[in-house]
PDB file of N, CA and C in Angstrom:
ATOM      1  N   MET A   1      48.461 -32.290   3.038  1.00  0.00           N
ATOM      2  CA  MET A   1      49.765 -31.762   2.685  1.00  0.00           C
ATOM      3  C   MET A   1      49.949 -31.745   1.166  1.00  0.00           C
ATOM      4  N   GLN A   2      49.332 -32.701   0.483  1.00  0.00           N
ATOM      5  CA  GLN A   2      49.436 -32.751  -0.985  1.00  0.00           C
ATOM      6  C   GLN A   2      48.857 -31.488  -1.618  1.00  0.00           C
ATOM      7  N   LYS A   3      47.750 -30.996  -1.044  1.00  0.00           N
ATOM      8  CA  LYS A   3      47.125 -29.785  -1.585  1.00  0.00           C
ATOM      9  C   LYS A   3      48.036 -28.577  -1.409  1.00  0.00           C
ATOM     10  N   LYS A   4      48.703 -28.507  -0.259  1.00  0.00           N
ATOM     11  CA  LYS A   4      49.625 -27.395  -0.012  1.00  0.00           C
ATOM     12  C   LYS A   4      50.798 -27.448  -0.983  1.00  0.00           C
ATOM     13  N   ILE A   5      51.296 -28.659  -1.220  1.00  0.00           N
ATOM     14  CA  ILE A   5      52.408 -28.827  -2.162  1.00  0.00           C
ATOM     15  C   ILE A   5      51.972 -28.418  -3.562  1.00  0.00           C
ATOM     16  N   ALA A   6      50.799 -28.854  -3.961  1.00  0.00           N
ATOM     17  CA  ALA A   6      50.287 -28.495  -5.290  1.00  0.00           C
ATOM     18  C   ALA A   6      50.097 -26.982  -5.411  1.00  0.00           C
ATOM     19  N   LYS A   7      49.636 -26.367  -4.339  1.00  0.00           N
ATOM     20  CA  LYS A   7      49.433 -24.919  -4.343  1.00  0.00           C
ATOM     21  C   LYS A   7      50.769 -24.185  -4.490  1.00  0.00           C
ATOM     22  N   LEU A   8      51.789 -24.647  -3.779  1.00  0.00           N
ATOM     23  CA  LEU A   8      53.116 -24.033  -3.881  1.00  0.00           C
ATOM     24  C   LEU A   8      53.712 -24.236  -5.271  1.00  0.00           C
ATOM     25  N   GLU A   9      53.551 -25.435  -5.816  1.00  0.00           N
ATOM     26  CA  GLU A   9      54.056 -25.701  -7.167  1.00  0.00           C
ATOM     27  C   GLU A   9      53.359 -24.817  -8.194  1.00  0.00           C
ATOM     28  N   GLN A  10      52.056 -24.609  -8.013  1.00  0.00           N
ATOM     29  CA  GLN A  10      51.312 -23.739  -8.926  1.00  0.00           C
ATOM     30  C   GLN A  10      51.789 -22.294  -8.805  1.00  0.00           C
ATOM     31  N   ARG A  11      52.068 -21.862  -7.584  1.00  0.00           N
ATOM     32  CA  ARG A  11      52.546 -20.484  -7.400  1.00  0.00           C
ATOM     33  C   ARG A  11      53.890 -20.291  -8.095  1.00  0.00           C
ATOM     34  N   ILE A  12      54.759 -21.288  -8.025  1.00  0.00           N
ATOM     35  CA  ILE A  12      56.050 -21.196  -8.710  1.00  0.00           C
ATOM     36  C   ILE A  12      55.838 -21.091 -10.216  1.00  0.00           C
ATOM     37  N   LYS A  13      54.906 -21.874 -10.757  1.00  0.00           N
ATOM     38  CA  LYS A  13      54.596 -21.776 -12.190  1.00  0.00           C
ATOM     39  C   LYS A  13      54.078 -20.387 -12.542  1.00  0.00           C
ATOM     40  N   ASP A  14      53.221 -19.838 -11.676  1.00  0.00           N
ATOM     41  CA  ASP A  14      52.674 -18.497 -11.910  1.00  0.00           C
ATOM     42  C   ASP A  14      53.780 -17.440 -11.886  1.00  0.00           C
ATOM     43  N   ILE A  15      54.696 -17.577 -10.946  1.00  0.00           N
ATOM     44  CA  ILE A  15      55.816 -16.633 -10.861  1.00  0.00           C
ATOM     45  C   ILE A  15      56.654 -16.693 -12.131  1.00  0.00           C
ATOM     46  N   LYS A  16      56.938 -17.910 -12.595  1.00  0.00           N
ATOM     47  CA  LYS A  16      57.715 -18.058 -13.832  1.00  0.00           C
ATOM     48  C   LYS A  16      57.008 -17.385 -15.001  1.00  0.00           C
ATOM     49  N   ALA A  17      55.691 -17.546 -15.064  1.00  0.00           N
ATOM     50  CA  ALA A  17      54.920 -16.917 -16.142  1.00  0.00           C
ATOM     51  C   ALA A  17      54.977 -15.393 -16.029  1.00  0.00           C
ATOM     52  N   GLU A  18      54.873 -14.876 -14.814  1.00  0.00           N
ATOM     53  CA  GLU A  18      54.955 -13.425 -14.619  1.00  0.00           C
ATOM     54  C   GLU A  18      56.325 -12.895 -15.020  1.00  0.00           C
ATOM     55  N   LEU A  19      57.366 -13.653 -14.722  1.00  0.00           N
ATOM     56  CA  LEU A  19      58.720 -13.222 -15.075  1.00  0.00           C
ATOM     57  C   LEU A  19      58.901 -13.113 -16.585  1.00  0.00           C
ATOM     58  N   THR A  20      58.272 -14.019 -17.324  1.00  0.00           N
ATOM     59  CA  THR A  20      58.426 -13.966 -18.784  1.00  0.00           C
ATOM     60  C   THR A  20      57.700 -12.769 -19.385  1.00  0.00           C
ATOM     61  N   GLN A  21      56.758 -12.196 -18.645  1.00  0.00           N
ATOM     62  CA  GLN A  21      56.000 -11.051 -19.143  1.00  0.00           C
ATOM     63  C   GLN A  21      56.686  -9.709 -18.881  1.00  0.00           C
ATOM     64  N   LEU A  22      57.710  -9.715 -18.047  1.00  0.00           N
ATOM     65  CA  LEU A  22      58.405  -8.460 -17.760  1.00  0.00           C
ATOM     66  C   LEU A  22      59.141  -7.981 -19.007  1.00  0.00           C
ATOM     67  N   GLY A  23      59.157  -6.703 -19.191  1.00  0.00           N
ATOM     68  CA  GLY A  23      59.872  -6.126 -20.327  1.00  0.00           C
ATOM     69  C   GLY A  23      61.307  -5.799 -19.949  1.00  0.00           C
ATOM     70  N   ASP A  24      61.840  -4.803 -20.620  1.00  0.00           N
ATOM     71  CA  ASP A  24      63.203  -4.362 -20.332  1.00  0.00           C
ATOM     72  C   ASP A  24      63.296  -3.900 -18.889  1.00  0.00           C
ATOM     73  N   MET A  25      64.468  -4.066 -18.301  1.00  0.00           N
ATOM     74  CA  MET A  25      64.645  -3.676 -16.913  1.00  0.00           C
ATOM     75  C   MET A  25      66.049  -3.168 -16.680  1.00  0.00           C
ATOM     76  N   ARG A  26      66.177  -2.409 -15.629  1.00  0.00           N
ATOM     77  CA  ARG A  26      67.483  -1.939 -15.186  1.00  0.00           C
ATOM     78  C   ARG A  26      67.395  -1.628 -13.700  1.00  0.00           C
ATOM     79  N   PRO A  27      68.499  -1.837 -12.982  1.00  0.00           N
ATOM     80  CA  PRO A  27      68.506  -1.526 -11.556  1.00  0.00           C
ATOM     81  C   PRO A  27      68.746  -0.034 -11.343  1.00  0.00           C
ATOM     82  N   GLY A  28      68.511   0.414 -10.136  1.00  0.00           N
ATOM     83  CA  GLY A  28      68.893   1.768  -9.780  1.00  0.00           C
ATOM     84  C   GLY A  28      67.756   2.636  -9.318  1.00  0.00           C
ATOM     85  N   SER A  29      68.081   3.916  -9.228  1.00  0.00           N
ATOM     86  CA  SER A  29      67.088   4.911  -8.833  1.00  0.00           C
ATOM     87  C   SER A  29      67.295   6.163  -9.665  1.00  0.00           C
ATOM     88  N   LEU A  30      66.203   6.843  -9.897  1.00  0.00           N
ATOM     89  CA  LEU A  30      66.211   8.046 -10.719  1.00  0.00           C
ATOM     90  C   LEU A  30      65.966   9.241  -9.806  1.00  0.00           C
ATOM     91  N   SER A  31      66.827  10.235  -9.907  1.00  0.00           N
ATOM     92  CA  SER A  31      66.660  11.428  -9.079  1.00  0.00           C
ATOM     93  C   SER A  31      66.821  12.677  -9.937  1.00  0.00           C
ATOM     94  N   THR A  32      66.273  13.767  -9.439  1.00  0.00           N
ATOM     95  CA  THR A  32      66.405  15.052 -10.115  1.00  0.00           C
ATOM     96  C   THR A  32      67.469  15.858  -9.387  1.00  0.00           C
ATOM     97  N   GLN A  33      68.426  16.354 -10.125  1.00  0.00           N
ATOM     98  CA  GLN A  33      69.530  17.141  -9.572  1.00  0.00           C
ATOM     99  C   GLN A  33      69.440  18.568 -10.099  1.00  0.00           C
ATOM    100  N   CYS A  34      69.995  19.499  -9.353  1.00  0.00           N
ATOM    101  CA  CYS A  34      70.018  20.901  -9.775  1.00  0.00           C
ATOM    102  C   CYS A  34      71.465  21.339  -9.984  1.00  0.00           C
ATOM    103  N   ARG A  35      71.686  22.000 -11.082  1.00  0.00           N
ATOM    104  CA  ARG A  35      73.015  22.557 -11.350  1.00  0.00           C
ATOM    105  C   ARG A  35      73.133  23.914 -10.648  1.00  0.00           C
ATOM    106  N   SER A  36      74.341  24.250 -10.234  1.00  0.00           N
ATOM    107  CA  SER A  36      74.542  25.527  -9.555  1.00  0.00           C
ATOM    108  C   SER A  36      74.316  26.701 -10.499  1.00  0.00           C
ATOM    109  N   TRP A  37      74.545  26.499 -11.770  1.00  0.00           N
ATOM    110  CA  TRP A  37      74.374  27.576 -12.747  1.00  0.00           C
ATOM    111  C   TRP A  37      72.999  27.554 -13.398  1.00  0.00           C
ATOM    112  N   GLY A  38      72.107  26.767 -12.835  1.00  0.00           N
ATOM    113  CA  GLY A  38      70.719  26.744 -13.299  1.00  0.00           C
ATOM    114  C   GLY A  38      70.380  25.485 -14.057  1.00  0.00           C
ATOM    115  N   GLY A  39      69.128  25.157 -14.001  1.00  0.00           N
ATOM    116  CA  GLY A  39      68.647  23.997 -14.741  1.00  0.00           C
ATOM    117  C   GLY A  39      68.659  22.724 -13.922  1.00  0.00           C
ATOM    118  N   GLN A  40      67.715  21.882 -14.217  1.00  0.00           N
ATOM    119  CA  GLN A  40      67.623  20.587 -13.555  1.00  0.00           C
ATOM    120  C   GLN A  40      67.925  19.486 -14.562  1.00  0.00           C
ATOM    121  N   TYR A  41      68.380  18.371 -14.052  1.00  0.00           N
ATOM    122  CA  TYR A  41      68.597  17.201 -14.883  1.00  0.00           C
ATOM    123  C   TYR A  41      68.292  15.961 -14.067  1.00  0.00           C
ATOM    124  N   ARG A  42      68.048  14.867 -14.770  1.00  0.00           N
ATOM    125  CA  ARG A  42      67.755  13.603 -14.096  1.00  0.00           C
ATOM    126  C   ARG A  42      68.986  12.707 -14.159  1.00  0.00           C
ATOM    127  N   GLN A  43      69.164  12.004 -13.059  1.00  0.00           N
ATOM    128  CA  GLN A  43      70.343  11.165 -12.932  1.00  0.00           C
ATOM    129  C   GLN A  43      69.920   9.769 -12.493  1.00  0.00           C
ATOM    130  N   LEU A  44      70.401   8.775 -13.203  1.00  0.00           N
ATOM    131  CA  LEU A  44      70.171   7.375 -12.854  1.00  0.00           C
ATOM    132  C   LEU A  44      71.420   6.863 -12.154  1.00  0.00           C
ATOM    133  N   SER A  45      71.252   6.328 -10.959  1.00  0.00           N
ATOM    134  CA  SER A  45      72.372   5.778 -10.195  1.00  0.00           C
ATOM    135  C   SER A  45      72.090   4.315  -9.898  1.00  0.00           C
ATOM    136  N   TYR A  46      73.104   3.479 -10.089  1.00  0.00           N
ATOM    137  CA  TYR A  46      72.937   2.060  -9.788  1.00  0.00           C
ATOM    138  C   TYR A  46      74.290   1.412  -9.553  1.00  0.00           C
ATOM    139  N   THR A  47      74.242   0.254  -8.942  1.00  0.00           N
ATOM    140  CA  THR A  47      75.436  -0.557  -8.724  1.00  0.00           C
ATOM    141  C   THR A  47      75.250  -1.858  -9.484  1.00  0.00           C
ATOM    142  N   HIS A  48      76.265  -2.222 -10.258  1.00  0.00           N
ATOM    143  CA  HIS A  48      76.224  -3.465 -11.027  1.00  0.00           C
ATOM    144  C   HIS A  48      77.597  -4.110 -10.960  1.00  0.00           C
ATOM    145  N   ARG A  49      77.604  -5.381 -10.542  1.00  0.00           N
ATOM    146  CA  ARG A  49      78.839  -6.146 -10.374  1.00  0.00           C
ATOM    147  C   ARG A  49      79.840  -5.422  -9.478  1.00  0.00           C
ATOM    148  N   GLY A  50      79.302  -4.832  -8.421  1.00  0.00           N
ATOM    149  CA  GLY A  50      80.152  -4.200  -7.427  1.00  0.00           C
ATOM    150  C   GLY A  50      80.648  -2.807  -7.776  1.00  0.00           C
ATOM    151  N   LYS A  51      80.251  -2.284  -8.907  1.00  0.00           N
ATOM    152  CA  LYS A  51      80.699  -0.954  -9.313  1.00  0.00           C
ATOM    153  C   LYS A  51      79.515  -0.005  -9.399  1.00  0.00           C
ATOM    154  N   GLY A  52      79.714   1.205  -8.906  1.00  0.00           N
ATOM    155  CA  GLY A  52      78.684   2.224  -8.986  1.00  0.00           C
ATOM    156  C   GLY A  52      78.699   2.892 -10.350  1.00  0.00           C
ATOM    157  N   HIS A  53      77.531   3.204 -10.850  1.00  0.00           N
ATOM    158  CA  HIS A  53      77.387   3.861 -12.151  1.00  0.00           C
ATOM    159  C   HIS A  53      76.389   5.007 -12.021  1.00  0.00           C
ATOM    160  N   THR A  54      76.624   6.044 -12.797  1.00  0.00           N
ATOM    161  CA  THR A  54      75.711   7.176 -12.866  1.00  0.00           C
ATOM    162  C   THR A  54      75.547   7.558 -14.321  1.00  0.00           C
ATOM    163  N   GLU A  55      74.302   7.772 -14.724  1.00  0.00           N
ATOM    164  CA  GLU A  55      74.014   8.166 -16.105  1.00  0.00           C
ATOM    165  C   GLU A  55      73.035   9.329 -16.095  1.00  0.00           C
ATOM    166  N   TYR A  56      73.189  10.195 -17.061  1.00  0.00           N
ATOM    167  CA  TYR A  56      72.206  11.263 -17.248  1.00  0.00           C
ATOM    168  C   TYR A  56      71.037  10.697 -18.037  1.00  0.00           C
ATOM    169  N   VAL A  57      69.838  11.144 -17.689  1.00  0.00           N
ATOM    170  CA  VAL A  57      68.633  10.672 -18.368  1.00  0.00           C
ATOM    171  C   VAL A  57      67.920  11.882 -18.962  1.00  0.00           C
ATOM    172  N   GLN A  58      67.730  11.850 -20.255  1.00  0.00           N
ATOM    173  CA  GLN A  58      67.035  12.945 -20.924  1.00  0.00           C
ATOM    174  C   GLN A  58      65.537  12.842 -20.666  1.00  0.00           C
ATOM    175  N   ASP A  59      64.873  13.990 -20.739  1.00  0.00           N
ATOM    176  CA  ASP A  59      63.431  14.026 -20.485  1.00  0.00           C
ATOM    177  C   ASP A  59      62.658  13.101 -21.418  1.00  0.00           C
ATOM    178  N   GLY A  60      63.130  12.951 -22.642  1.00  0.00           N
ATOM    179  CA  GLY A  60      62.423  12.133 -23.621  1.00  0.00           C
ATOM    180  C   GLY A  60      62.367  10.654 -23.280  1.00  0.00           C
ATOM    181  N   VAL A  61      63.300  10.180 -22.485  1.00  0.00           N
ATOM    182  CA  VAL A  61      63.333   8.756 -22.129  1.00  0.00           C
ATOM    183  C   VAL A  61      63.025   8.515 -20.651  1.00  0.00           C
ATOM    184  N   LYS A  62      62.609   9.557 -19.959  1.00  0.00           N
ATOM    185  CA  LYS A  62      62.317   9.441 -18.524  1.00  0.00           C
ATOM    186  C   LYS A  62      61.274   8.369 -18.250  1.00  0.00           C
ATOM    187  N   GLN A  63      60.165   8.376 -18.991  1.00  0.00           N
ATOM    188  CA  GLN A  63      59.093   7.401 -18.774  1.00  0.00           C
ATOM    189  C   GLN A  63      59.586   5.978 -19.006  1.00  0.00           C
ATOM    190  N   GLN A  64      60.382   5.799 -20.045  1.00  0.00           N
ATOM    191  CA  GLN A  64      60.923   4.471 -20.352  1.00  0.00           C
ATOM    192  C   GLN A  64      61.827   3.987 -19.223  1.00  0.00           C
ATOM    193  N   VAL A  65      62.691   4.855 -18.741  1.00  0.00           N
ATOM    194  CA  VAL A  65      63.606   4.484 -17.657  1.00  0.00           C
ATOM    195  C   VAL A  65      62.816   4.154 -16.392  1.00  0.00           C
ATOM    196  N   GLN A  66      61.791   4.942 -16.097  1.00  0.00           N
ATOM    197  CA  GLN A  66      60.970   4.658 -14.919  1.00  0.00           C
ATOM    198  C   GLN A  66      60.297   3.293 -15.028  1.00  0.00           C
ATOM    199  N   GLN A  67      59.814   2.940 -16.219  1.00  0.00           N
ATOM    200  CA  GLN A  67      59.195   1.625 -16.412  1.00  0.00           C
ATOM    201  C   GLN A  67      60.226   0.514 -16.248  1.00  0.00           C
ATOM    202  N   GLU A  68      61.431   0.717 -16.770  1.00  0.00           N
ATOM    203  CA  GLU A  68      62.492  -0.281 -16.621  1.00  0.00           C
ATOM    204  C   GLU A  68      62.850  -0.466 -15.147  1.00  0.00           C
ATOM    205  N   LEU A  69      62.870   0.615 -14.390  1.00  0.00           N
ATOM    206  CA  LEU A  69      63.144   0.526 -12.953  1.00  0.00           C
ATOM    207  C   LEU A  69      62.031  -0.237 -12.231  1.00  0.00           C
ATOM    208  N   ARG A  70      60.774   0.031 -12.606  1.00  0.00           N
ATOM    209  CA  ARG A  70      59.643  -0.707 -12.010  1.00  0.00           C
ATOM    210  C   ARG A  70      59.730  -2.192 -12.350  1.00  0.00           C
ATOM    211  N   ASN A  71      60.080  -2.495 -13.597  1.00  0.00           N
ATOM    212  CA  ASN A  71      60.213  -3.894 -14.007  1.00  0.00           C
ATOM    213  C   ASN A  71      61.299  -4.600 -13.208  1.00  0.00           C
ATOM    214  N   TYR A  72      62.396  -3.915 -12.949  1.00  0.00           N
ATOM    215  CA  TYR A  72      63.480  -4.518 -12.180  1.00  0.00           C
ATOM    216  C   TYR A  72      63.032  -4.794 -10.744  1.00  0.00           C
ATOM    217  N   LYS A  73      62.317  -3.838 -10.145  1.00  0.00           N
ATOM    218  CA  LYS A  73      61.813  -4.053  -8.781  1.00  0.00           C
ATOM    219  C   LYS A  73      60.849  -5.229  -8.739  1.00  0.00           C
ATOM    220  N   LYS A  74      60.007  -5.337  -9.761  1.00  0.00           N
ATOM    221  CA  LYS A  74      59.071  -6.462  -9.851  1.00  0.00           C
ATOM    222  C   LYS A  74      59.847  -7.774 -10.009  1.00  0.00           C
ATOM    223  N   PHE A  75      60.887  -7.760 -10.841  1.00  0.00           N
ATOM    224  CA  PHE A  75      61.744  -8.926 -11.038  1.00  0.00           C
ATOM    225  C   PHE A  75      62.353  -9.376  -9.712  1.00  0.00           C
ATOM    226  N   ARG A  76      62.896  -8.427  -8.958  1.00  0.00           N
ATOM    227  CA  ARG A  76      63.517  -8.764  -7.683  1.00  0.00           C
ATOM    228  C   ARG A  76      62.494  -9.342  -6.702  1.00  0.00           C
ATOM    229  N   ALA A  77      61.306  -8.738  -6.661  1.00  0.00           N
ATOM    230  CA  ALA A  77      60.265  -9.222  -5.749  1.00  0.00           C
ATOM    231  C   ALA A  77      59.810 -10.627  -6.136  1.00  0.00           C
ATOM    232  N   LEU A  78      59.622 -10.851  -7.436  1.00  0.00           N
ATOM    233  CA  LEU A  78      59.171 -12.170  -7.893  1.00  0.00           C
ATOM    234  C   LEU A  78      60.223 -13.243  -7.651  1.00  0.00           C
ATOM    235  N   THR A  79      61.490 -12.938  -7.919  1.00  0.00           N
ATOM    236  CA  THR A  79      62.528 -13.949  -7.697  1.00  0.00           C
ATOM    237  C   THR A  79      62.685 -14.249  -6.210  1.00  0.00           C
ATOM    238  N   GLN A  80      62.529 -13.242  -5.367  1.00  0.00           N
ATOM    239  CA  GLN A  80      62.599 -13.486  -3.925  1.00  0.00           C
ATOM    240  C   GLN A  80      61.435 -14.359  -3.474  1.00  0.00           C
ATOM    241  N   GLU A  81      60.247 -14.081  -4.012  1.00  0.00           N
ATOM    242  CA  GLU A  81      59.085 -14.910  -3.674  1.00  0.00           C
ATOM    243  C   GLU A  81      59.283 -16.340  -4.178  1.00  0.00           C
ATOM    244  N   TRP A  82      59.862 -16.493  -5.362  1.00  0.00           N
ATOM    245  CA  TRP A  82      60.139 -17.812  -5.929  1.00  0.00           C
ATOM    246  C   TRP A  82      61.067 -18.591  -4.998  1.00  0.00           C
ATOM    247  N   ILE A  83      62.127 -17.939  -4.544  1.00  0.00           N
ATOM    248  CA  ILE A  83      63.080 -18.599  -3.648  1.00  0.00           C
ATOM    249  C   ILE A  83      62.397 -18.995  -2.345  1.00  0.00           C
ATOM    250  N   ASP A  84      61.640 -18.069  -1.760  1.00  0.00           N
ATOM    251  CA  ASP A  84      60.935 -18.367  -0.509  1.00  0.00           C
ATOM    252  C   ASP A  84      59.973 -19.541  -0.685  1.00  0.00           C
ATOM    253  N   THR A  85      59.239 -19.529  -1.792  1.00  0.00           N
ATOM    254  CA  THR A  85      58.273 -20.596  -2.066  1.00  0.00           C
ATOM    255  C   THR A  85      58.985 -21.925  -2.308  1.00  0.00           C
ATOM    256  N   ALA A  86      60.094 -21.881  -3.032  1.00  0.00           N
ATOM    257  CA  ALA A  86      60.850 -23.106  -3.315  1.00  0.00           C
ATOM    258  C   ALA A  86      61.415 -23.719  -2.033  1.00  0.00           C
ATOM    259  N   ILE A  87      61.885 -22.878  -1.129  1.00  0.00           N
ATOM    260  CA  ILE A  87      62.399 -23.378   0.150  1.00  0.00           C
ATOM    261  C   ILE A  87      61.273 -24.027   0.952  1.00  0.00           C
ATOM    262  N   GLN A  88      60.143 -23.351   0.995  1.00  0.00           N
ATOM    263  CA  GLN A  88      58.984 -23.892   1.712  1.00  0.00           C
ATOM    264  C   GLN A  88      58.548 -25.219   1.098  1.00  0.00           C
ATOM    265  N   LEU A  89      58.528 -25.288  -0.225  1.00  0.00           N
ATOM    266  CA  LEU A  89      58.143 -26.509  -0.929  1.00  0.00           C
ATOM    267  C   LEU A  89      59.120 -27.645  -0.629  1.00  0.00           C
ATOM    268  N   ALA A  90      60.401 -27.347  -0.663  1.00  0.00           N
ATOM    269  CA  ALA A  90      61.411 -28.371  -0.390  1.00  0.00           C
ATOM    270  C   ALA A  90      61.261 -28.925   1.027  1.00  0.00           C
ATOM    271  N   LYS A  91      61.020 -28.040   1.984  1.00  0.00           N
ATOM    272  CA  LYS A  91      60.835 -28.490   3.369  1.00  0.00           C
ATOM    273  C   LYS A  91      59.605 -29.378   3.501  1.00  0.00           C
ATOM    274  N   MET A  92      58.527 -29.002   2.823  1.00  0.00           N
ATOM    275  CA  MET A  92      57.305 -29.813   2.891  1.00  0.00           C
ATOM    276  C   MET A  92      57.528 -31.188   2.278  1.00  0.00           C
ATOM    277  N   LYS A  93      58.260 -31.241   1.184  1.00  0.00           N
ATOM    278  CA  LYS A  93      58.526 -32.530   0.541  1.00  0.00           C
ATOM    279  C   LYS A  93      59.380 -33.418   1.430  1.00  0.00           C
ATOM    280  N   VAL A  94      60.359 -32.823   2.101  1.00  0.00           N
ATOM    281  CA  VAL A  94      61.195 -33.593   3.025  1.00  0.00           C
ATOM    282  C   VAL A  94      60.348 -34.103   4.188  1.00  0.00           C
ATOM    283  N   ASP A  95      59.512 -33.234   4.740  1.00  0.00           N
ATOM    284  CA  ASP A  95      58.636 -33.644   5.849  1.00  0.00           C
ATOM    285  C   ASP A  95      57.690 -34.759   5.421  1.00  0.00           C
ATOM    286  N   MET A  96      57.165 -34.656   4.211  1.00  0.00           N
ATOM    287  CA  MET A  96      56.260 -35.677   3.709  1.00  0.00           C
ATOM    288  C   MET A  96      57.008 -37.007   3.527  1.00  0.00           C
ATOM    289  N   GLN A  97      58.228 -36.930   3.035  1.00  0.00           N
ATOM    290  CA  GLN A  97      59.038 -38.135   2.850  1.00  0.00           C
ATOM    291  C   GLN A  97      59.350 -38.778   4.199  1.00  0.00           C
ATOM    292  N   LYS A  98      59.670 -37.953   5.192  1.00  0.00           N
ATOM    293  CA  LYS A  98      59.932 -38.477   6.537  1.00  0.00           C
ATOM    294  C   LYS A  98      58.694 -39.174   7.093  1.00  0.00           C
ATOM    295  N   ALA A  99      57.538 -38.569   6.882  1.00  0.00           N
ATOM    296  CA  ALA A  99      56.288 -39.152   7.380  1.00  0.00           C
ATOM    297  C   ALA A  99      56.013 -40.491   6.706  1.00  0.00           C
ATOM    298  N   GLN A 100      56.272 -40.571   5.406  1.00  0.00           N
ATOM    299  CA  GLN A 100      56.057 -41.830   4.688  1.00  0.00           C
ATOM    300  C   GLN A 100      57.037 -42.898   5.155  1.00  0.00           C
ATOM    301  N   ASN A 101      58.269 -42.515   5.401  1.00  0.00           N
ATOM    302  CA  ASN A 101      59.271 -43.475   5.867  1.00  0.00           C
ATOM    303  C   ASN A 101      58.950 -43.980   7.271  1.00  0.00           C
ATOM    304  N   SER A 102      58.432 -43.123   8.123  1.00  0.00           N
ATOM    305  CA  SER A 102      58.107 -43.554   9.486  1.00  0.00           C
ATOM    306  C   SER A 102      56.878 -44.468   9.499  1.00  0.00           C
ATOM    307  N   LYS A 103      55.982 -44.324   8.529  1.00  0.00           N
ATOM    308  CA  LYS A 103      54.810 -45.193   8.439  1.00  0.00           C
ATOM    309  C   LYS A 103      55.205 -46.595   7.997  1.00  0.00           C
ATOM    310  N   ARG A 104      56.257 -46.701   7.219  1.00  0.00           N
ATOM    311  CA  ARG A 104      56.699 -48.001   6.704  1.00  0.00           C
ATOM    312  C   ARG A 104      57.315 -48.860   7.792  1.00  0.00           C
ATOM    313  N   ARG A 105      57.785 -48.244   8.832  1.00  0.00           N
ATOM    314  CA  ARG A 105      58.467 -49.001   9.894  1.00  0.00           C
ATOM    315  C   ARG A 105      57.518 -49.701  10.776  1.00  0.00           C
TER     316      ARG A 105
END
């Protein structure tokens, strides 16, 4: 069980290191819209603090916005994995403590 605990603790350290490497980020999704009078434009839509937001995205910053969106998705995935791993680690530590206490009796 000690090896499993050490492995989980190492994974949490790795996740923290990966999080520090993420660059700028923003939530949302990028879509291409068509105007009725012609022409296409890109629109960024997201919800932040319970409010919906929409922004126009110029072609010159499209790549940057896409990278920020990818970084945010990576951030969300890593934090979810961190939480899952931390819960698993906490349960293992409690189980290990229970096992040690029952051996003392």
